[in-house]
Amino acid sequence: MSTVIEKAPKLNELPGIAARSDEDLLLGYRDTQQRELFEELVRRYERELFSYLRRYVGDAEMAADVFQGTFLQLHLKCKQFQVGRKLRPWLYAIATNQAIDAQRRNRRHRMVSLDRLTHSDDDDVVKLLDMMASDEMGPDEHFDLQENRNRVRQAVLELPEHLRSVVLLVYYQGLKYREAAEAISIPVGTVKSRMHTAMLKLNEVWKDAHMQSK
């Protein structure tokens, strides 16, 4: 009598895995421990989450370690995930806590040097400058972008941690206020207040740069 050995289906053999929601994938992994479901979640979030962590901790090597730790925690805590909850803010909450713990363990809160930032950061800074700039300004009043995007980028990095985290989550990562609030366990009103305070500080940098360029 022959014995049939069942093998786990490959990723492309699972029906509609790419079309399943993040929440469905995690709940499916929670119930079945199907490795491919977890791998799909990692694939979906690897670029944006690593980008967030690199900005948060200011070090690519540390960010890679925190990224691994984040998904290890997701694996360990998957049974705590409840039906009806959104995965994205929960994942960012885990990632933020892992980043804070990593910084504390390493006892280094150093700023990232400007030459270690990627070109994608330049695009983000340009958008941030555009958001802060007045629509009433004429072409002659705009300062040199390359020089001042460095100043604004550095200003973001130098914000106090409680302000920097909301800027990274809301502006760079595109989380809604309620999602950011859930990610860092504060009220939505506090997220809005911190975002407003951060933008005021960044706007001061923008104005100073503009004055110095005259």
C-alpha atoms as a PDB file:
ATOM      1  CA  MET A   1       0.000   0.000   0.000  1.00  0.00           C
ATOM      2  CA  SER A   2       1.532   3.248  -1.087  1.00  0.00           C
ATOM      3  CA  THR A   3       1.669   6.251   1.165  1.00  0.00           C
ATOM      4  CA  VAL A   4       0.744   9.609  -0.262  1.00  0.00           C
ATOM      5  CA  ILE A   5       2.827  12.440   1.153  1.00  0.00           C
ATOM      6  CA  GLU A   6       1.028  15.762   0.957  1.00  0.00           C
ATOM      7  CA  LYS A   7       3.206  18.741   0.216  1.00  0.00           C
ATOM      8  CA  ALA A   8       2.374  22.322   1.027  1.00  0.00           C
ATOM      9  CA  PRO A   9       1.147  24.040  -2.151  1.00  0.00           C
ATOM     10  CA  LYS A  10       3.419  26.586  -3.742  1.00  0.00           C
ATOM     11  CA  LEU A  11       2.555  30.263  -3.630  1.00  0.00           C
ATOM     12  CA  ASN A  12       1.138  30.277  -7.156  1.00  0.00           C
ATOM     13  CA  GLU A  13      -0.901  27.141  -6.401  1.00  0.00           C
ATOM     14  CA  LEU A  14      -2.844  28.760  -3.582  1.00  0.00           C
ATOM     15  CA  PRO A  15      -6.172  30.018  -4.923  1.00  0.00           C
ATOM     16  CA  GLY A  16      -6.231  33.802  -5.163  1.00  0.00           C
ATOM     17  CA  ILE A  17      -3.509  34.413  -2.591  1.00  0.00           C
ATOM     18  CA  ALA A  18      -2.437  37.667  -4.242  1.00  0.00           C
ATOM     19  CA  ALA A  19      -6.028  38.916  -4.188  1.00  0.00           C
ATOM     20  CA  ARG A  20      -6.613  38.201  -0.495  1.00  0.00           C
ATOM     21  CA  SER A  21      -6.603  41.074   1.959  1.00  0.00           C
ATOM     22  CA  ASP A  22      -3.794  41.580   4.473  1.00  0.00           C
ATOM     23  CA  GLU A  23      -6.176  40.712   7.268  1.00  0.00           C
ATOM     24  CA  ASP A  24      -7.346  37.520   5.574  1.00  0.00           C
ATOM     25  CA  LEU A  25      -3.756  36.433   5.007  1.00  0.00           C
ATOM     26  CA  LEU A  26      -2.816  36.898   8.651  1.00  0.00           C
ATOM     27  CA  LEU A  27      -5.980  35.215   9.919  1.00  0.00           C
ATOM     28  CA  GLY A  28      -5.339  32.352   7.521  1.00  0.00           C
ATOM     29  CA  TYR A  29      -1.763  32.069   8.734  1.00  0.00           C
ATOM     30  CA  ARG A  30      -2.943  32.251  12.337  1.00  0.00           C
ATOM     31  CA  ASP A  31      -5.274  29.301  11.796  1.00  0.00           C
ATOM     32  CA  THR A  32      -3.197  27.135   9.446  1.00  0.00           C
ATOM     33  CA  GLN A  33       0.438  28.236   9.849  1.00  0.00           C
ATOM     34  CA  GLN A  34       0.622  28.151   6.043  1.00  0.00           C
ATOM     35  CA  ARG A  35       4.095  29.569   5.365  1.00  0.00           C
ATOM     36  CA  GLU A  36       3.160  31.003   1.978  1.00  0.00           C
ATOM     37  CA  LEU A  37       0.520  33.259   3.525  1.00  0.00           C
ATOM     38  CA  PHE A  38       3.090  34.816   5.819  1.00  0.00           C
ATOM     39  CA  GLU A  39       5.599  35.170   2.989  1.00  0.00           C
ATOM     40  CA  GLU A  40       3.029  37.094   0.969  1.00  0.00           C
ATOM     41  CA  LEU A  41       2.608  39.565   3.844  1.00  0.00           C
ATOM     42  CA  VAL A  42       6.365  40.043   4.033  1.00  0.00           C
ATOM     43  CA  ARG A  43       6.491  40.629   0.278  1.00  0.00           C
ATOM     44  CA  ARG A  44       3.733  43.241   0.446  1.00  0.00           C
ATOM     45  CA  TYR A  45       5.323  45.255   3.219  1.00  0.00           C
ATOM     46  CA  GLU A  46       9.058  44.736   2.793  1.00  0.00           C
ATOM     47  CA  ARG A  47       9.793  47.922   0.843  1.00  0.00           C
ATOM     48  CA  GLU A  48       7.563  50.421   2.629  1.00  0.00           C
ATOM     49  CA  LEU A  49       8.218  49.072   6.114  1.00  0.00           C
ATOM     50  CA  PHE A  50      11.984  48.949   5.638  1.00  0.00           C
ATOM     51  CA  SER A  51      11.888  52.515   4.293  1.00  0.00           C
ATOM     52  CA  TYR A  52       9.985  53.622   7.397  1.00  0.00           C
ATOM     53  CA  LEU A  53      12.376  51.839   9.757  1.00  0.00           C
ATOM     54  CA  ARG A  54      15.454  53.205   8.002  1.00  0.00           C
ATOM     55  CA  ARG A  55      14.156  56.721   8.448  1.00  0.00           C
ATOM     56  CA  TYR A  56      13.142  56.030  12.045  1.00  0.00           C
ATOM     57  CA  VAL A  57      16.375  54.523  13.341  1.00  0.00           C
ATOM     58  CA  GLY A  58      18.713  56.326  10.918  1.00  0.00           C
ATOM     59  CA  ASP A  59      20.751  53.243  10.082  1.00  0.00           C
ATOM     60  CA  ALA A  60      20.166  50.698   7.303  1.00  0.00           C
ATOM     61  CA  GLU A  61      21.770  47.774   9.156  1.00  0.00           C
ATOM     62  CA  MET A  62      19.757  48.425  12.300  1.00  0.00           C
ATOM     63  CA  ALA A  63      16.616  48.881  10.192  1.00  0.00           C
ATOM     64  CA  ALA A  64      17.165  45.446   8.636  1.00  0.00           C
ATOM     65  CA  ASP A  65      17.448  43.880  12.093  1.00  0.00           C
ATOM     66  CA  VAL A  66      14.321  45.688  13.279  1.00  0.00           C
ATOM     67  CA  PHE A  67      12.482  44.589  10.145  1.00  0.00           C
ATOM     68  CA  GLN A  68      13.293  40.955  10.922  1.00  0.00           C
ATOM     69  CA  GLY A  69      12.270  41.470  14.537  1.00  0.00           C
ATOM     70  CA  THR A  70       8.987  43.026  13.450  1.00  0.00           C
ATOM     71  CA  PHE A  71       7.929  40.020  11.411  1.00  0.00           C
ATOM     72  CA  LEU A  72       9.143  37.648  14.092  1.00  0.00           C
ATOM     73  CA  GLN A  73       6.814  39.452  16.495  1.00  0.00           C
ATOM     74  CA  LEU A  74       4.023  39.299  13.921  1.00  0.00           C
ATOM     75  CA  HIS A  75       4.507  35.544  13.785  1.00  0.00           C
ATOM     76  CA  LEU A  76       4.568  35.227  17.571  1.00  0.00           C
ATOM     77  CA  LYS A  77       1.588  37.511  18.141  1.00  0.00           C
ATOM     78  CA  CYS A  78      -0.605  36.447  15.218  1.00  0.00           C
ATOM     79  CA  LYS A  79      -3.037  34.654  17.551  1.00  0.00           C
ATOM     80  CA  GLN A  80      -3.701  38.017  19.225  1.00  0.00           C
ATOM     81  CA  PHE A  81      -4.961  39.489  15.948  1.00  0.00           C
ATOM     82  CA  GLN A  82      -8.716  39.922  16.077  1.00  0.00           C
ATOM     83  CA  VAL A  83     -11.275  39.713  13.292  1.00  0.00           C
ATOM     84  CA  GLY A  84     -12.326  43.198  12.203  1.00  0.00           C
ATOM     85  CA  ARG A  85      -9.000  44.796  13.023  1.00  0.00           C
ATOM     86  CA  LYS A  86      -6.825  46.402  10.329  1.00  0.00           C
ATOM     87  CA  LEU A  87      -3.388  44.869   9.897  1.00  0.00           C
ATOM     88  CA  ARG A  88      -1.446  47.890   8.629  1.00  0.00           C
ATOM     89  CA  PRO A  89      -1.595  50.096  11.763  1.00  0.00           C
ATOM     90  CA  TRP A  90      -1.041  47.036  13.973  1.00  0.00           C
ATOM     91  CA  LEU A  91       2.057  46.122  11.965  1.00  0.00           C
ATOM     92  CA  TYR A  92       3.372  49.685  12.234  1.00  0.00           C
ATOM     93  CA  ALA A  93       2.755  49.609  15.985  1.00  0.00           C
ATOM     94  CA  ILE A  94       4.907  46.467  16.253  1.00  0.00           C
ATOM     95  CA  ALA A  95       7.580  47.992  14.002  1.00  0.00           C
ATOM     96  CA  THR A  96       7.690  51.255  15.971  1.00  0.00           C
ATOM     97  CA  ASN A  97       8.018  49.438  19.293  1.00  0.00           C
ATOM     98  CA  GLN A  98      10.754  47.237  17.856  1.00  0.00           C
ATOM     99  CA  ALA A  99      12.589  50.335  16.578  1.00  0.00           C
ATOM    100  CA  ILE A 100      12.382  52.061  19.961  1.00  0.00           C
ATOM    101  CA  ASP A 101      13.666  48.934  21.706  1.00  0.00           C
ATOM    102  CA  ALA A 102      16.541  48.619  19.222  1.00  0.00           C
ATOM    103  CA  GLN A 103      17.600  52.219  19.797  1.00  0.00           C
ATOM    104  CA  ARG A 104      17.532  51.732  23.540  1.00  0.00           C
ATOM    105  CA  ARG A 105      19.571  48.545  23.322  1.00  0.00           C
ATOM    106  CA  ASN A 106      22.200  50.117  21.119  1.00  0.00           C
ATOM    107  CA  ARG A 107      22.323  53.359  23.106  1.00  0.00           C
ATOM    108  CA  ARG A 108      22.717  55.327  19.948  1.00  0.00           C
ATOM    109  CA  HIS A 109      20.306  57.961  18.718  1.00  0.00           C
ATOM    110  CA  ARG A 110      22.552  59.333  16.035  1.00  0.00           C
ATOM    111  CA  MET A 111      21.235  61.270  13.087  1.00  0.00           C
ATOM    112  CA  VAL A 112      21.570  59.893   9.585  1.00  0.00           C
ATOM    113  CA  SER A 113      24.097  61.750   7.477  1.00  0.00           C
ATOM    114  CA  LEU A 114      22.766  63.473   4.389  1.00  0.00           C
ATOM    115  CA  ASP A 115      24.887  61.447   2.002  1.00  0.00           C
ATOM    116  CA  ARG A 116      23.259  58.198   3.219  1.00  0.00           C
ATOM    117  CA  LEU A 117      19.752  59.200   2.175  1.00  0.00           C
ATOM    118  CA  THR A 118      18.428  57.820  -1.099  1.00  0.00           C
ATOM    119  CA  HIS A 119      17.053  59.686  -4.083  1.00  0.00           C
ATOM    120  CA  SER A 120      13.513  58.740  -3.032  1.00  0.00           C
ATOM    121  CA  ASP A 121      14.000  60.925   0.025  1.00  0.00           C
ATOM    122  CA  ASP A 122      14.721  63.862  -2.293  1.00  0.00           C
ATOM    123  CA  ASP A 123      11.316  63.352  -3.886  1.00  0.00           C
ATOM    124  CA  ASP A 124       9.655  63.289  -0.475  1.00  0.00           C
ATOM    125  CA  VAL A 125      11.398  66.473   0.587  1.00  0.00           C
ATOM    126  CA  VAL A 126      10.353  68.246  -2.607  1.00  0.00           C
ATOM    127  CA  LYS A 127       6.749  67.273  -1.885  1.00  0.00           C
ATOM    128  CA  LEU A 128       7.112  68.500   1.676  1.00  0.00           C
ATOM    129  CA  LEU A 129       8.519  71.798   0.446  1.00  0.00           C
ATOM    130  CA  ASP A 130       5.651  72.105  -2.015  1.00  0.00           C
ATOM    131  CA  MET A 131       3.145  71.465   0.758  1.00  0.00           C
ATOM    132  CA  MET A 132       4.646  74.180   2.942  1.00  0.00           C
ATOM    133  CA  ALA A 133       5.139  76.711   0.156  1.00  0.00           C
ATOM    134  CA  SER A 134       2.525  79.402  -0.392  1.00  0.00           C
ATOM    135  CA  ASP A 135       0.578  79.277  -3.638  1.00  0.00           C
ATOM    136  CA  GLU A 136       0.959  83.052  -3.832  1.00  0.00           C
ATOM    137  CA  MET A 137       4.718  82.881  -4.254  1.00  0.00           C
ATOM    138  CA  GLY A 138       6.071  83.674  -7.689  1.00  0.00           C
ATOM    139  CA  PRO A 139       8.900  81.828  -9.427  1.00  0.00           C
ATOM    140  CA  ASP A 140      11.433  84.462  -8.426  1.00  0.00           C
ATOM    141  CA  GLU A 141      10.657  83.946  -4.737  1.00  0.00           C
ATOM    142  CA  HIS A 142      11.399  80.220  -4.669  1.00  0.00           C
ATOM    143  CA  PHE A 143      14.787  79.285  -3.221  1.00  0.00           C
ATOM    144  CA  ASP A 144      17.218  76.769  -4.609  1.00  0.00           C
ATOM    145  CA  LEU A 145      15.636  73.346  -3.972  1.00  0.00           C
ATOM    146  CA  GLN A 146      18.802  71.258  -3.768  1.00  0.00           C
ATOM    147  CA  GLU A 147      20.306  73.370  -0.992  1.00  0.00           C
ATOM    148  CA  ASN A 148      17.119  73.717   0.999  1.00  0.00           C
ATOM    149  CA  ARG A 149      15.771  70.209   0.636  1.00  0.00           C
ATOM    150  CA  ASN A 150      18.888  69.248   2.633  1.00  0.00           C
ATOM    151  CA  ARG A 151      17.862  71.670   5.361  1.00  0.00           C
ATOM    152  CA  VAL A 152      14.291  70.420   5.488  1.00  0.00           C
ATOM    153  CA  ARG A 153      15.398  66.767   5.390  1.00  0.00           C
ATOM    154  CA  GLN A 154      17.751  67.383   8.286  1.00  0.00           C
ATOM    155  CA  ALA A 155      15.001  69.260  10.140  1.00  0.00           C
ATOM    156  CA  VAL A 156      12.735  66.214   9.866  1.00  0.00           C
ATOM    157  CA  LEU A 157      15.491  64.007  11.276  1.00  0.00           C
ATOM    158  CA  GLU A 158      16.104  66.433  14.141  1.00  0.00           C
ATOM    159  CA  LEU A 159      12.482  66.670  15.258  1.00  0.00           C
ATOM    160  CA  PRO A 160      11.827  65.274  18.748  1.00  0.00           C
ATOM    161  CA  GLU A 161      10.947  61.595  18.519  1.00  0.00           C
ATOM    162  CA  HIS A 162       7.253  62.105  19.384  1.00  0.00           C
ATOM    163  CA  LEU A 163       6.908  64.609  16.510  1.00  0.00           C
ATOM    164  CA  ARG A 164       9.147  62.771  14.052  1.00  0.00           C
ATOM    165  CA  SER A 165       7.134  59.567  14.422  1.00  0.00           C
ATOM    166  CA  VAL A 166       3.856  61.192  13.354  1.00  0.00           C
ATOM    167  CA  VAL A 167       5.528  62.908  10.371  1.00  0.00           C
ATOM    168  CA  LEU A 168       7.034  59.591   9.253  1.00  0.00           C
ATOM    169  CA  LEU A 169       3.776  57.688   9.683  1.00  0.00           C
ATOM    170  CA  VAL A 170       1.332  60.256   8.302  1.00  0.00           C
ATOM    171  CA  TYR A 171       3.380  62.084   5.689  1.00  0.00           C
ATOM    172  CA  TYR A 172       5.976  59.592   4.481  1.00  0.00           C
ATOM    173  CA  GLN A 173       4.071  56.323   4.971  1.00  0.00           C
ATOM    174  CA  GLY A 174       0.632  57.729   4.158  1.00  0.00           C
ATOM    175  CA  LEU A 175      -1.206  56.385   7.198  1.00  0.00           C
ATOM    176  CA  LYS A 176      -4.477  58.066   8.083  1.00  0.00           C
ATOM    177  CA  TYR A 177      -4.602  59.904  11.387  1.00  0.00           C
ATOM    178  CA  ARG A 178      -6.611  57.133  13.031  1.00  0.00           C
ATOM    179  CA  GLU A 179      -4.154  54.503  11.742  1.00  0.00           C
ATOM    180  CA  ALA A 180      -1.169  56.466  13.023  1.00  0.00           C
ATOM    181  CA  ALA A 181      -2.950  56.903  16.359  1.00  0.00           C
ATOM    182  CA  GLU A 182      -3.406  53.155  16.620  1.00  0.00           C
ATOM    183  CA  ALA A 183       0.180  52.501  15.551  1.00  0.00           C
ATOM    184  CA  ILE A 184       1.703  54.618  18.346  1.00  0.00           C
ATOM    185  CA  SER A 185      -1.139  54.216  20.879  1.00  0.00           C
ATOM    186  CA  ILE A 186      -2.209  57.835  21.221  1.00  0.00           C
ATOM    187  CA  PRO A 187      -5.527  59.603  20.570  1.00  0.00           C
ATOM    188  CA  VAL A 188      -6.295  60.848  17.068  1.00  0.00           C
ATOM    189  CA  GLY A 189      -6.420  64.401  18.410  1.00  0.00           C
ATOM    190  CA  THR A 190      -2.874  64.048  19.704  1.00  0.00           C
ATOM    191  CA  VAL A 191      -1.683  62.869  16.283  1.00  0.00           C
ATOM    192  CA  LYS A 192      -3.238  65.947  14.682  1.00  0.00           C
ATOM    193  CA  SER A 193      -1.748  68.224  17.319  1.00  0.00           C
ATOM    194  CA  ARG A 194       1.730  66.741  16.943  1.00  0.00           C
ATOM    195  CA  MET A 195       1.517  66.894  13.160  1.00  0.00           C
ATOM    196  CA  HIS A 196       0.540  70.573  13.393  1.00  0.00           C
ATOM    197  CA  THR A 197       3.423  71.308  15.769  1.00  0.00           C
ATOM    198  CA  ALA A 198       5.882  69.449  13.537  1.00  0.00           C
ATOM    199  CA  MET A 199       4.739  71.345  10.458  1.00  0.00           C
ATOM    200  CA  LEU A 200       5.132  74.660  12.283  1.00  0.00           C
ATOM    201  CA  LYS A 201       8.716  73.738  13.137  1.00  0.00           C
ATOM    202  CA  LEU A 202       9.446  72.633   9.582  1.00  0.00           C
ATOM    203  CA  ASN A 203       7.819  75.766   8.237  1.00  0.00           C
ATOM    204  CA  GLU A 204      10.240  77.811  10.367  1.00  0.00           C
ATOM    205  CA  VAL A 205      13.112  75.989   8.680  1.00  0.00           C
ATOM    206  CA  TRP A 206      11.516  76.687   5.300  1.00  0.00           C
ATOM    207  CA  LYS A 207      11.171  80.414   6.061  1.00  0.00           C
ATOM    208  CA  ASP A 208      14.728  80.660   7.427  1.00  0.00           C
ATOM    209  CA  ALA A 209      16.074  78.968   4.300  1.00  0.00           C
ATOM    210  CA  HIS A 210      14.036  81.309   2.136  1.00  0.00           C
ATOM    211  CA  MET A 211      15.355  84.370   3.955  1.00  0.00           C
ATOM    212  CA  GLN A 212      18.966  83.170   3.690  1.00  0.00           C
ATOM    213  CA  SER A 213      18.560  82.646  -0.039  1.00  0.00           C
ATOM    214  CA  LYS A 214      17.640  86.293  -0.612  1.00  0.00           C
END
